[in-house]
Amino acid sequence: MSPLRSILILMLPASLAWAQAVAPQAPTTPAGAAAPAGPAPAANAPKPADDWRDTSNYIFPAIAKTVTDMQNVAYAMTLRDYCADRRVPDDFVRDRLKRFSAMTGREETCRSLMDY
């Protein structure tokens, strides 16, 4: 049996358990009980707080942030190469650093590219 197939077989029970845990369950009433009377529960529910999109306790940043960071790293590496190569004209390097500064929102220099 190939390693990939064995991994897939091992992942199947875990994915089924996850799907059952995530699936919404309808509220059930006992066999002889009538449905509760009164307004719908949504009408009595409190309004959500203003911080309903608070993600401060997330371990990892959003995917878009990670993608942006990776793109900045790639561009910074290219700029570091331009800075190190004396054959590249200074005006060209300054122009590229200025553009990169506009993208990152901070003043970029050949020395600051080492932060990436």
PDB file of N, CA and C in Angstrom:
ATOM      1  N   MET A   1       0.852  -1.172   0.000  1.00  0.00           N
ATOM      2  CA  MET A   1       0.000   0.000   0.000  1.00  0.00           C
ATOM      3  C   MET A   1       0.900   1.238   0.000  1.00  0.00           C
ATOM      4  N   SER A   2       0.553   2.191  -0.830  1.00  0.00           N
ATOM      5  CA  SER A   2       1.378   3.394  -0.937  1.00  0.00           C
ATOM      6  C   SER A   2       1.198   4.279   0.299  1.00  0.00           C
ATOM      7  N   PRO A   3       2.200   5.074   0.626  1.00  0.00           N
ATOM      8  CA  PRO A   3       2.089   5.961   1.793  1.00  0.00           C
ATOM      9  C   PRO A   3       0.945   6.959   1.658  1.00  0.00           C
ATOM     10  N   LEU A   4       0.711   7.441   0.446  1.00  0.00           N
ATOM     11  CA  LEU A   4      -0.365   8.405   0.246  1.00  0.00           C
ATOM     12  C   LEU A   4      -1.720   7.776   0.534  1.00  0.00           C
ATOM     13  N   ARG A   5      -1.915   6.561   0.081  1.00  0.00           N
ATOM     14  CA  ARG A   5      -3.185   5.871   0.316  1.00  0.00           C
ATOM     15  C   ARG A   5      -3.393   5.622   1.802  1.00  0.00           C
ATOM     16  N   SER A   6      -2.347   5.235   2.518  1.00  0.00           N
ATOM     17  CA  SER A   6      -2.497   4.985   3.953  1.00  0.00           C
ATOM     18  C   SER A   6      -2.799   6.284   4.697  1.00  0.00           C
ATOM     19  N   ILE A   7      -2.219   7.390   4.262  1.00  0.00           N
ATOM     20  CA  ILE A   7      -2.531   8.677   4.894  1.00  0.00           C
ATOM     21  C   ILE A   7      -3.989   9.046   4.659  1.00  0.00           C
ATOM     22  N   LEU A   8      -4.461   8.852   3.446  1.00  0.00           N
ATOM     23  CA  LEU A   8      -5.855   9.159   3.141  1.00  0.00           C
ATOM     24  C   LEU A   8      -6.799   8.289   3.949  1.00  0.00           C
ATOM     25  N   ILE A   9      -6.467   7.015   4.112  1.00  0.00           N
ATOM     26  CA  ILE A   9      -7.317   6.113   4.895  1.00  0.00           C
ATOM     27  C   ILE A   9      -7.333   6.544   6.354  1.00  0.00           C
ATOM     28  N   LEU A  10      -6.202   6.974   6.875  1.00  0.00           N
ATOM     29  CA  LEU A  10      -6.147   7.428   8.259  1.00  0.00           C
ATOM     30  C   LEU A  10      -6.880   8.749   8.462  1.00  0.00           C
ATOM     31  N   MET A  11      -6.937   9.586   7.434  1.00  0.00           N
ATOM     32  CA  MET A  11      -7.606  10.883   7.555  1.00  0.00           C
ATOM     33  C   MET A  11      -9.121  10.772   7.470  1.00  0.00           C
ATOM     34  N   LEU A  12      -9.637   9.719   6.880  1.00  0.00           N
ATOM     35  CA  LEU A  12     -11.075   9.582   6.679  1.00  0.00           C
ATOM     36  C   LEU A  12     -11.861   9.621   7.987  1.00  0.00           C
ATOM     37  N   PRO A  13     -11.529   8.822   9.015  1.00  0.00           N
ATOM     38  CA  PRO A  13     -12.309   8.896  10.262  1.00  0.00           C
ATOM     39  C   PRO A  13     -12.237  10.271  10.921  1.00  0.00           C
ATOM     40  N   ALA A  14     -11.085  10.900  10.853  1.00  0.00           N
ATOM     41  CA  ALA A  14     -10.953  12.223  11.466  1.00  0.00           C
ATOM     42  C   ALA A  14     -11.821  13.249  10.754  1.00  0.00           C
ATOM     43  N   SER A  15     -11.869  13.181   9.430  1.00  0.00           N
ATOM     44  CA  SER A  15     -12.687  14.144   8.694  1.00  0.00           C
ATOM     45  C   SER A  15     -14.171  13.891   8.916  1.00  0.00           C
ATOM     46  N   LEU A  16     -14.570  12.638   9.066  1.00  0.00           N
ATOM     47  CA  LEU A  16     -15.977  12.344   9.356  1.00  0.00           C
ATOM     48  C   LEU A  16     -16.362  12.849  10.739  1.00  0.00           C
ATOM     49  N   ALA A  17     -15.495  12.661  11.710  1.00  0.00           N
ATOM     50  CA  ALA A  17     -15.775  13.154  13.057  1.00  0.00           C
ATOM     51  C   ALA A  17     -15.872  14.673  13.065  1.00  0.00           C
ATOM     52  N   TRP A  18     -14.997  15.337  12.312  1.00  0.00           N
ATOM     53  CA  TRP A  18     -15.046  16.792  12.238  1.00  0.00           C
ATOM     54  C   TRP A  18     -16.342  17.250  11.588  1.00  0.00           C
ATOM     55  N   ALA A  19     -16.770  16.571  10.524  1.00  0.00           N
ATOM     56  CA  ALA A  19     -17.991  16.956   9.820  1.00  0.00           C
ATOM     57  C   ALA A  19     -19.203  16.817  10.728  1.00  0.00           C
ATOM     58  N   GLN A  20     -19.230  15.793  11.563  1.00  0.00           N
ATOM     59  CA  GLN A  20     -20.349  15.624  12.485  1.00  0.00           C
ATOM     60  C   GLN A  20     -20.332  16.685  13.569  1.00  0.00           C
ATOM     61  N   ALA A  21     -19.161  17.072  14.018  1.00  0.00           N
ATOM     62  CA  ALA A  21     -19.065  18.082  15.068  1.00  0.00           C
ATOM     63  C   ALA A  21     -19.451  19.460  14.559  1.00  0.00           C
ATOM     64  N   VAL A  22     -19.196  19.729  13.300  1.00  0.00           N
ATOM     65  CA  VAL A  22     -19.468  21.045  12.731  1.00  0.00           C
ATOM     66  C   VAL A  22     -20.902  21.161  12.236  1.00  0.00           C
ATOM     67  N   ALA A  23     -21.526  20.062  11.887  1.00  0.00           N
ATOM     68  CA  ALA A  23     -22.870  20.087  11.307  1.00  0.00           C
ATOM     69  C   ALA A  23     -23.866  20.682  12.298  1.00  0.00           C
ATOM     70  N   PRO A  24     -24.726  21.602  11.844  1.00  0.00           N
ATOM     71  CA  PRO A  24     -25.733  22.170  12.741  1.00  0.00           C
ATOM     72  C   PRO A  24     -26.776  21.117  13.090  1.00  0.00           C
ATOM     73  N   GLN A  25     -27.192  21.143  14.342  1.00  0.00           N
ATOM     74  CA  GLN A  25     -28.187  20.183  14.792  1.00  0.00           C
ATOM     75  C   GLN A  25     -29.460  20.930  15.148  1.00  0.00           C
ATOM     76  N   ALA A  26     -30.579  20.382  14.700  1.00  0.00           N
ATOM     77  CA  ALA A  26     -31.875  20.987  14.988  1.00  0.00           C
ATOM     78  C   ALA A  26     -32.251  20.683  16.432  1.00  0.00           C
ATOM     79  N   PRO A  27     -32.876  21.631  17.136  1.00  0.00           N
ATOM     80  CA  PRO A  27     -33.305  21.363  18.504  1.00  0.00           C
ATOM     81  C   PRO A  27     -34.415  20.313  18.497  1.00  0.00           C
ATOM     82  N   THR A  28     -34.341  19.423  19.442  1.00  0.00           N
ATOM     83  CA  THR A  28     -35.346  18.359  19.524  1.00  0.00           C
ATOM     84  C   THR A  28     -36.172  18.546  20.778  1.00  0.00           C
ATOM     85  N   THR A  29     -37.434  18.169  20.708  1.00  0.00           N
ATOM     86  CA  THR A  29     -38.326  18.212  21.858  1.00  0.00           C
ATOM     87  C   THR A  29     -38.673  16.785  22.232  1.00  0.00           C
ATOM     88  N   PRO A  30     -38.934  16.518  23.498  1.00  0.00           N
ATOM     89  CA  PRO A  30     -39.323  15.167  23.901  1.00  0.00           C
ATOM     90  C   PRO A  30     -40.589  14.726  23.168  1.00  0.00           C
ATOM     91  N   ALA A  31     -40.819  13.420  23.132  1.00  0.00           N
ATOM     92  CA  ALA A  31     -41.904  12.852  22.334  1.00  0.00           C
ATOM     93  C   ALA A  31     -43.271  13.403  22.722  1.00  0.00           C
ATOM     94  N   GLY A  32     -43.576  13.557  23.985  1.00  0.00           N
ATOM     95  CA  GLY A  32     -44.907  14.001  24.404  1.00  0.00           C
ATOM     96  C   GLY A  32     -45.018  15.503  24.599  1.00  0.00           C
ATOM     97  N   ALA A  33     -43.974  16.230  24.474  1.00  0.00           N
ATOM     98  CA  ALA A  33     -43.997  17.664  24.755  1.00  0.00           C
ATOM     99  C   ALA A  33     -44.406  18.447  23.517  1.00  0.00           C
ATOM    100  N   ALA A  34     -45.082  19.535  23.782  1.00  0.00           N
ATOM    101  CA  ALA A  34     -45.479  20.423  22.689  1.00  0.00           C
ATOM    102  C   ALA A  34     -44.354  21.419  22.445  1.00  0.00           C
ATOM    103  N   ALA A  35     -44.385  22.007  21.290  1.00  0.00           N
ATOM    104  CA  ALA A  35     -43.386  23.017  20.954  1.00  0.00           C
ATOM    105  C   ALA A  35     -43.574  24.223  21.855  1.00  0.00           C
ATOM    106  N   PRO A  36     -42.521  24.882  22.286  1.00  0.00           N
ATOM    107  CA  PRO A  36     -42.662  26.032  23.170  1.00  0.00           C
ATOM    108  C   PRO A  36     -43.404  27.175  22.476  1.00  0.00           C
ATOM    109  N   ALA A  37     -44.288  27.797  23.248  1.00  0.00           N
ATOM    110  CA  ALA A  37     -45.064  28.910  22.711  1.00  0.00           C
ATOM    111  C   ALA A  37     -44.315  30.210  22.973  1.00  0.00           C
ATOM    112  N   GLY A  38     -44.685  31.245  22.231  1.00  0.00           N
ATOM    113  CA  GLY A  38     -44.070  32.541  22.459  1.00  0.00           C
ATOM    114  C   GLY A  38     -43.279  32.986  21.245  1.00  0.00           C
ATOM    115  N   PRO A  39     -42.632  34.120  21.384  1.00  0.00           N
ATOM    116  CA  PRO A  39     -41.875  34.651  20.250  1.00  0.00           C
ATOM    117  C   PRO A  39     -40.676  33.761  19.925  1.00  0.00           C
ATOM    118  N   ALA A  40     -40.209  33.918  18.725  1.00  0.00           N
ATOM    119  CA  ALA A  40     -39.063  33.131  18.275  1.00  0.00           C
ATOM    120  C   ALA A  40     -37.837  33.495  19.109  1.00  0.00           C
ATOM    121  N   PRO A  41     -36.950  32.547  19.345  1.00  0.00           N
ATOM    122  CA  PRO A  41     -35.768  32.844  20.156  1.00  0.00           C
ATOM    123  C   PRO A  41     -34.898  33.952  19.570  1.00  0.00           C
ATOM    124  N   ALA A  42     -34.920  34.114  18.264  1.00  0.00           N
ATOM    125  CA  ALA A  42     -34.101  35.156  17.648  1.00  0.00           C
ATOM    126  C   ALA A  42     -34.567  36.549  18.062  1.00  0.00           C
ATOM    127  N   ALA A  43     -35.850  36.697  18.345  1.00  0.00           N
ATOM    128  CA  ALA A  43     -36.374  37.999  18.743  1.00  0.00           C
ATOM    129  C   ALA A  43     -35.871  38.389  20.127  1.00  0.00           C
ATOM    130  N   ASN A  44     -35.644  37.408  20.998  1.00  0.00           N
ATOM    131  CA  ASN A  44     -35.182  37.686  22.356  1.00  0.00           C
ATOM    132  C   ASN A  44     -33.662  37.700  22.469  1.00  0.00           C
ATOM    133  N   ALA A  45     -32.978  37.340  21.417  1.00  0.00           N
ATOM    134  CA  ALA A  45     -31.521  37.259  21.466  1.00  0.00           C
ATOM    135  C   ALA A  45     -30.926  38.662  21.586  1.00  0.00           C
ATOM    136  N   PRO A  46     -29.883  38.805  22.399  1.00  0.00           N
ATOM    137  CA  PRO A  46     -29.246  40.123  22.511  1.00  0.00           C
ATOM    138  C   PRO A  46     -28.534  40.490  21.216  1.00  0.00           C
ATOM    139  N   LYS A  47     -28.414  41.772  21.007  1.00  0.00           N
ATOM    140  CA  LYS A  47     -27.722  42.241  19.804  1.00  0.00           C
ATOM    141  C   LYS A  47     -26.232  41.923  19.928  1.00  0.00           C
ATOM    142  N   PRO A  48     -25.605  41.577  18.815  1.00  0.00           N
ATOM    143  CA  PRO A  48     -24.176  41.260  18.888  1.00  0.00           C
ATOM    144  C   PRO A  48     -23.361  42.499  19.250  1.00  0.00           C
ATOM    145  N   ALA A  49     -22.262  42.253  19.907  1.00  0.00           N
ATOM    146  CA  ALA A  49     -21.375  43.348  20.303  1.00  0.00           C
ATOM    147  C   ALA A  49     -20.685  43.933  19.071  1.00  0.00           C
ATOM    148  N   ASP A  50     -20.161  45.135  19.236  1.00  0.00           N
ATOM    149  CA  ASP A  50     -19.483  45.796  18.122  1.00  0.00           C
ATOM    150  C   ASP A  50     -18.200  45.074  17.717  1.00  0.00           C
ATOM    151  N   ASP A  51     -17.645  44.297  18.615  1.00  0.00           N
ATOM    152  CA  ASP A  51     -16.383  43.622  18.319  1.00  0.00           C
ATOM    153  C   ASP A  51     -16.598  42.191  17.828  1.00  0.00           C
ATOM    154  N   TRP A  52     -17.622  41.974  17.056  1.00  0.00           N
ATOM    155  CA  TRP A  52     -17.931  40.620  16.590  1.00  0.00           C
ATOM    156  C   TRP A  52     -16.899  40.089  15.613  1.00  0.00           C
ATOM    157  N   ARG A  53     -16.064  40.948  15.055  1.00  0.00           N
ATOM    158  CA  ARG A  53     -15.003  40.504  14.141  1.00  0.00           C
ATOM    159  C   ARG A  53     -13.627  40.563  14.796  1.00  0.00           C
ATOM    160  N   ASP A  54     -13.591  40.556  16.115  1.00  0.00           N
ATOM    161  CA  ASP A  54     -12.321  40.605  16.832  1.00  0.00           C
ATOM    162  C   ASP A  54     -11.550  39.309  16.598  1.00  0.00           C
ATOM    163  N   THR A  55     -10.356  39.434  16.062  1.00  0.00           N
ATOM    164  CA  THR A  55      -9.525  38.261  15.773  1.00  0.00           C
ATOM    165  C   THR A  55      -8.199  38.332  16.520  1.00  0.00           C
ATOM    166  N   SER A  56      -8.176  39.032  17.626  1.00  0.00           N
ATOM    167  CA  SER A  56      -6.918  39.232  18.343  1.00  0.00           C
ATOM    168  C   SER A  56      -6.351  37.938  18.913  1.00  0.00           C
ATOM    169  N   ASN A  57      -7.189  36.928  19.143  1.00  0.00           N
ATOM    170  CA  ASN A  57      -6.672  35.675  19.686  1.00  0.00           C
ATOM    171  C   ASN A  57      -6.401  34.627  18.612  1.00  0.00           C
ATOM    172  N   TYR A  58      -6.459  35.008  17.352  1.00  0.00           N
ATOM    173  CA  TYR A  58      -6.103  34.078  16.275  1.00  0.00           C
ATOM    174  C   TYR A  58      -4.596  33.834  16.313  1.00  0.00           C
ATOM    175  N   ILE A  59      -4.206  32.600  16.091  1.00  0.00           N
ATOM    176  CA  ILE A  59      -2.786  32.261  16.106  1.00  0.00           C
ATOM    177  C   ILE A  59      -2.106  32.754  14.834  1.00  0.00           C
ATOM    178  N   PHE A  60      -2.754  32.563  13.692  1.00  0.00           N
ATOM    179  CA  PHE A  60      -2.168  32.921  12.409  1.00  0.00           C
ATOM    180  C   PHE A  60      -2.908  34.105  11.800  1.00  0.00           C
ATOM    181  N   PRO A  61      -2.203  34.953  11.036  1.00  0.00           N
ATOM    182  CA  PRO A  61      -2.879  36.082  10.383  1.00  0.00           C
ATOM    183  C   PRO A  61      -3.725  35.607   9.209  1.00  0.00           C
ATOM    184  N   ALA A  62      -4.474  36.512   8.644  1.00  0.00           N
ATOM    185  CA  ALA A  62      -5.296  36.192   7.477  1.00  0.00           C
ATOM    186  C   ALA A  62      -4.408  35.769   6.312  1.00  0.00           C
ATOM    187  N   ILE A  63      -4.974  34.974   5.429  1.00  0.00           N
ATOM    188  CA  ILE A  63      -4.217  34.478   4.279  1.00  0.00           C
ATOM    189  C   ILE A  63      -3.721  35.644   3.426  1.00  0.00           C
ATOM    190  N   ALA A  64      -4.552  36.651   3.244  1.00  0.00           N
ATOM    191  CA  ALA A  64      -4.149  37.802   2.422  1.00  0.00           C
ATOM    192  C   ALA A  64      -2.931  38.508   3.020  1.00  0.00           C
ATOM    193  N   LYS A  65      -2.856  38.596   4.335  1.00  0.00           N
ATOM    194  CA  LYS A  65      -1.694  39.223   4.988  1.00  0.00           C
ATOM    195  C   LYS A  65      -0.444  38.397   4.736  1.00  0.00           C
ATOM    196  N   THR A  66      -0.574  37.087   4.834  1.00  0.00           N
ATOM    197  CA  THR A  66       0.567  36.207   4.581  1.00  0.00           C
ATOM    198  C   THR A  66       1.032  36.321   3.137  1.00  0.00           C
ATOM    199  N   VAL A  67       0.087  36.381   2.208  1.00  0.00           N
ATOM    200  CA  VAL A  67       0.435  36.518   0.788  1.00  0.00           C
ATOM    201  C   VAL A  67       1.163  37.838   0.549  1.00  0.00           C
ATOM    202  N   THR A  68       0.657  38.915   1.133  1.00  0.00           N
ATOM    203  CA  THR A  68       1.303  40.222   0.986  1.00  0.00           C
ATOM    204  C   THR A  68       2.716  40.200   1.558  1.00  0.00           C
ATOM    205  N   ASP A  69       2.872  39.588   2.733  1.00  0.00           N
ATOM    206  CA  ASP A  69       4.202  39.504   3.339  1.00  0.00           C
ATOM    207  C   ASP A  69       5.169  38.720   2.454  1.00  0.00           C
ATOM    208  N   MET A  70       4.702  37.634   1.879  1.00  0.00           N
ATOM    209  CA  MET A  70       5.566  36.825   1.015  1.00  0.00           C
ATOM    210  C   MET A  70       5.941  37.590  -0.259  1.00  0.00           C
ATOM    211  N   GLN A  71       4.991  38.340  -0.807  1.00  0.00           N
ATOM    212  CA  GLN A  71       5.296  39.146  -1.989  1.00  0.00           C
ATOM    213  C   GLN A  71       6.305  40.240  -1.653  1.00  0.00           C
ATOM    214  N   ASN A  72       6.158  40.841  -0.475  1.00  0.00           N
ATOM    215  CA  ASN A  72       7.116  41.868  -0.053  1.00  0.00           C
ATOM    216  C   ASN A  72       8.509  41.275   0.133  1.00  0.00           C
ATOM    217  N   VAL A  73       8.581  40.063   0.668  1.00  0.00           N
ATOM    218  CA  VAL A  73       9.883  39.413   0.844  1.00  0.00           C
ATOM    219  C   VAL A  73      10.547  39.191  -0.509  1.00  0.00           C
ATOM    220  N   ALA A  74       9.776  38.699  -1.478  1.00  0.00           N
ATOM    221  CA  ALA A  74      10.344  38.448  -2.807  1.00  0.00           C
ATOM    222  C   ALA A  74      10.828  39.750  -3.449  1.00  0.00           C
ATOM    223  N   TYR A  75      10.029  40.810  -3.323  1.00  0.00           N
ATOM    224  CA  TYR A  75      10.419  42.093  -3.909  1.00  0.00           C
ATOM    225  C   TYR A  75      11.636  42.671  -3.185  1.00  0.00           C
ATOM    226  N   ALA A  76      11.665  42.522  -1.855  1.00  0.00           N
ATOM    227  CA  ALA A  76      12.803  43.026  -1.084  1.00  0.00           C
ATOM    228  C   ALA A  76      14.088  42.294  -1.461  1.00  0.00           C
ATOM    229  N   MET A  77      13.992  41.005  -1.721  1.00  0.00           N
ATOM    230  CA  MET A  77      15.189  40.255  -2.132  1.00  0.00           C
ATOM    231  C   MET A  77      15.704  40.747  -3.482  1.00  0.00           C
ATOM    232  N   THR A  78      14.785  41.059  -4.387  1.00  0.00           N
ATOM    233  CA  THR A  78      15.194  41.611  -5.682  1.00  0.00           C
ATOM    234  C   THR A  78      15.864  42.969  -5.489  1.00  0.00           C
ATOM    235  N   LEU A  79      15.277  43.799  -4.632  1.00  0.00           N
ATOM    236  CA  LEU A  79      15.859  45.118  -4.376  1.00  0.00           C
ATOM    237  C   LEU A  79      17.216  45.009  -3.688  1.00  0.00           C
ATOM    238  N   ARG A  80      17.370  44.038  -2.807  1.00  0.00           N
ATOM    239  CA  ARG A  80      18.670  43.835  -2.166  1.00  0.00           C
ATOM    240  C   ARG A  80      19.731  43.487  -3.202  1.00  0.00           C
ATOM    241  N   ASP A  81      19.339  42.718  -4.192  1.00  0.00           N
ATOM    242  CA  ASP A  81      20.273  42.385  -5.269  1.00  0.00           C
ATOM    243  C   ASP A  81      20.642  43.642  -6.059  1.00  0.00           C
ATOM    244  N   TYR A  82      19.628  44.497  -6.335  1.00  0.00           N
ATOM    245  CA  TYR A  82      19.910  45.754  -7.033  1.00  0.00           C
ATOM    246  C   TYR A  82      20.856  46.620  -6.210  1.00  0.00           C
ATOM    247  N   CYS A  83      20.628  46.681  -4.892  1.00  0.00           N
ATOM    248  CA  CYS A  83      21.484  47.503  -4.030  1.00  0.00           C
ATOM    249  C   CYS A  83      22.923  46.993  -4.023  1.00  0.00           C
ATOM    250  N   ALA A  84      23.087  45.691  -4.055  1.00  0.00           N
ATOM    251  CA  ALA A  84      24.430  45.107  -3.982  1.00  0.00           C
ATOM    252  C   ALA A  84      25.175  45.178  -5.307  1.00  0.00           C
ATOM    253  N   ASP A  85      24.450  45.296  -6.400  1.00  0.00           N
ATOM    254  CA  ASP A  85      25.076  45.298  -7.727  1.00  0.00           C
ATOM    255  C   ASP A  85      25.396  46.734  -8.131  1.00  0.00           C
ATOM    256  N   ARG A  86      26.669  47.075  -8.173  1.00  0.00           N
ATOM    257  CA  ARG A  86      27.088  48.441  -8.502  1.00  0.00           C
ATOM    258  C   ARG A  86      26.842  48.787  -9.966  1.00  0.00           C
ATOM    259  N   ARG A  87      26.548  47.793 -10.789  1.00  0.00           N
ATOM    260  CA  ARG A  87      26.272  48.072 -12.206  1.00  0.00           C
ATOM    261  C   ARG A  87      24.871  48.650 -12.404  1.00  0.00           C
ATOM    262  N   VAL A  88      23.993  48.476 -11.410  1.00  0.00           N
ATOM    263  CA  VAL A  88      22.634  49.019 -11.504  1.00  0.00           C
ATOM    264  C   VAL A  88      22.698  50.501 -11.149  1.00  0.00           C
ATOM    265  N   PRO A  89      22.150  51.373 -11.999  1.00  0.00           N
ATOM    266  CA  PRO A  89      22.221  52.824 -11.742  1.00  0.00           C
ATOM    267  C   PRO A  89      21.522  53.221 -10.434  1.00  0.00           C
ATOM    268  N   ASP A  90      22.097  54.202  -9.752  1.00  0.00           N
ATOM    269  CA  ASP A  90      21.558  54.665  -8.474  1.00  0.00           C
ATOM    270  C   ASP A  90      20.138  55.198  -8.611  1.00  0.00           C
ATOM    271  N   ASP A  91      19.868  55.927  -9.681  1.00  0.00           N
ATOM    272  CA  ASP A  91      18.524  56.475  -9.879  1.00  0.00           C
ATOM    273  C   ASP A  91      17.488  55.363  -9.990  1.00  0.00           C
ATOM    274  N   PHE A  92      17.841  54.297 -10.672  1.00  0.00           N
ATOM    275  CA  PHE A  92      16.937  53.155 -10.812  1.00  0.00           C
ATOM    276  C   PHE A  92      16.650  52.529  -9.443  1.00  0.00           C
ATOM    277  N   VAL A  93      17.690  52.347  -8.642  1.00  0.00           N
ATOM    278  CA  VAL A  93      17.527  51.746  -7.315  1.00  0.00           C
ATOM    279  C   VAL A  93      16.684  52.653  -6.425  1.00  0.00           C
ATOM    280  N   ARG A  94      16.960  53.961  -6.462  1.00  0.00           N
ATOM    281  CA  ARG A  94      16.174  54.899  -5.649  1.00  0.00           C
ATOM    282  C   ARG A  94      14.704  54.893  -6.052  1.00  0.00           C
ATOM    283  N   ASP A  95      14.441  54.827  -7.361  1.00  0.00           N
ATOM    284  CA  ASP A  95      13.064  54.783  -7.844  1.00  0.00           C
ATOM    285  C   ASP A  95      12.359  53.521  -7.361  1.00  0.00           C
ATOM    286  N   ARG A  96      13.030  52.390  -7.433  1.00  0.00           N
ATOM    287  CA  ARG A  96      12.429  51.124  -6.983  1.00  0.00           C
ATOM    288  C   ARG A  96      12.201  51.125  -5.473  1.00  0.00           C
ATOM    289  N   LEU A  97      13.139  51.688  -4.733  1.00  0.00           N
ATOM    290  CA  LEU A  97      12.962  51.787  -3.283  1.00  0.00           C
ATOM    291  C   LEU A  97      11.788  52.696  -2.934  1.00  0.00           C
ATOM    292  N   LYS A  98      11.620  53.766  -3.703  1.00  0.00           N
ATOM    293  CA  LYS A  98      10.496  54.683  -3.484  1.00  0.00           C
ATOM    294  C   LYS A  98       9.169  53.966  -3.739  1.00  0.00           C
ATOM    295  N   ARG A  99       9.099  53.177  -4.798  1.00  0.00           N
ATOM    296  CA  ARG A  99       7.881  52.413  -5.096  1.00  0.00           C
ATOM    297  C   ARG A  99       7.600  51.378  -4.009  1.00  0.00           C
ATOM    298  N   PHE A 100       8.654  50.713  -3.563  1.00  0.00           N
ATOM    299  CA  PHE A 100       8.484  49.707  -2.514  1.00  0.00           C
ATOM    300  C   PHE A 100       8.045  50.366  -1.209  1.00  0.00           C
ATOM    301  N   SER A 101       8.553  51.566  -0.934  1.00  0.00           N
ATOM    302  CA  SER A 101       8.128  52.310   0.254  1.00  0.00           C
ATOM    303  C   SER A 101       6.639  52.616   0.194  1.00  0.00           C
ATOM    304  N   ALA A 102       6.145  52.950  -0.993  1.00  0.00           N
ATOM    305  CA  ALA A 102       4.711  53.220  -1.147  1.00  0.00           C
ATOM    306  C   ALA A 102       3.890  51.958  -0.892  1.00  0.00           C
ATOM    307  N   MET A 103       4.432  50.810  -1.262  1.00  0.00           N
ATOM    308  CA  MET A 103       3.713  49.551  -1.049  1.00  0.00           C
ATOM    309  C   MET A 103       3.704  49.142   0.418  1.00  0.00           C
ATOM    310  N   THR A 104       4.819  49.330   1.112  1.00  0.00           N
ATOM    311  CA  THR A 104       4.922  48.868   2.495  1.00  0.00           C
ATOM    312  C   THR A 104       4.451  49.901   3.508  1.00  0.00           C
ATOM    313  N   GLY A 105       4.432  51.171   3.108  1.00  0.00           N
ATOM    314  CA  GLY A 105       3.992  52.204   4.032  1.00  0.00           C
ATOM    315  C   GLY A 105       5.080  52.678   4.981  1.00  0.00           C
ATOM    316  N   ARG A 106       6.307  52.354   4.697  1.00  0.00           N
ATOM    317  CA  ARG A 106       7.427  52.835   5.513  1.00  0.00           C
ATOM    318  C   ARG A 106       8.572  53.220   4.591  1.00  0.00           C
ATOM    319  N   GLU A 107       9.477  54.028   5.105  1.00  0.00           N
ATOM    320  CA  GLU A 107      10.627  54.465   4.313  1.00  0.00           C
ATOM    321  C   GLU A 107      11.598  53.300   4.149  1.00  0.00           C
ATOM    322  N   GLU A 108      11.843  52.907   2.913  1.00  0.00           N
ATOM    323  CA  GLU A 108      12.731  51.775   2.642  1.00  0.00           C
ATOM    324  C   GLU A 108      14.066  52.281   2.103  1.00  0.00           C
ATOM    325  N   THR A 109      15.127  51.699   2.598  1.00  0.00           N
ATOM    326  CA  THR A 109      16.478  51.963   2.112  1.00  0.00           C
ATOM    327  C   THR A 109      17.144  50.610   1.868  1.00  0.00           C
ATOM    328  N   CYS A 110      18.312  50.651   1.276  1.00  0.00           N
ATOM    329  CA  CYS A 110      19.030  49.385   1.061  1.00  0.00           C
ATOM    330  C   CYS A 110      19.304  48.689   2.397  1.00  0.00           C
ATOM    331  N   ARG A 111      19.534  49.458   3.426  1.00  0.00           N
ATOM    332  CA  ARG A 111      19.793  48.880   4.746  1.00  0.00           C
ATOM    333  C   ARG A 111      18.516  48.318   5.378  1.00  0.00           C
ATOM    334  N   SER A 112      17.376  48.988   5.183  1.00  0.00           N
ATOM    335  CA  SER A 112      16.125  48.508   5.794  1.00  0.00           C
ATOM    336  C   SER A 112      15.607  47.232   5.137  1.00  0.00           C
ATOM    337  N   LEU A 113      16.104  46.916   3.945  1.00  0.00           N
ATOM    338  CA  LEU A 113      15.672  45.685   3.274  1.00  0.00           C
ATOM    339  C   LEU A 113      16.145  44.446   4.018  1.00  0.00           C
ATOM    340  N   MET A 114      17.109  44.602   4.905  1.00  0.00           N
ATOM    341  CA  MET A 114      17.591  43.465   5.690  1.00  0.00           C
ATOM    342  C   MET A 114      16.537  42.981   6.681  1.00  0.00           C
ATOM    343  N   ASP A 115      15.496  43.770   6.932  1.00  0.00           N
ATOM    344  CA  ASP A 115      14.420  43.369   7.847  1.00  0.00           C
ATOM    345  C   ASP A 115      13.535  42.285   7.251  1.00  0.00           C
ATOM    346  N   TYR A 116      13.628  42.085   5.952  1.00  0.00           N
ATOM    347  CA  TYR A 116      12.744  41.120   5.292  1.00  0.00           C
ATOM    348  C   TYR A 116      13.379  39.763   5.209  1.00  0.00           C
TER     349      TYR A 116
END
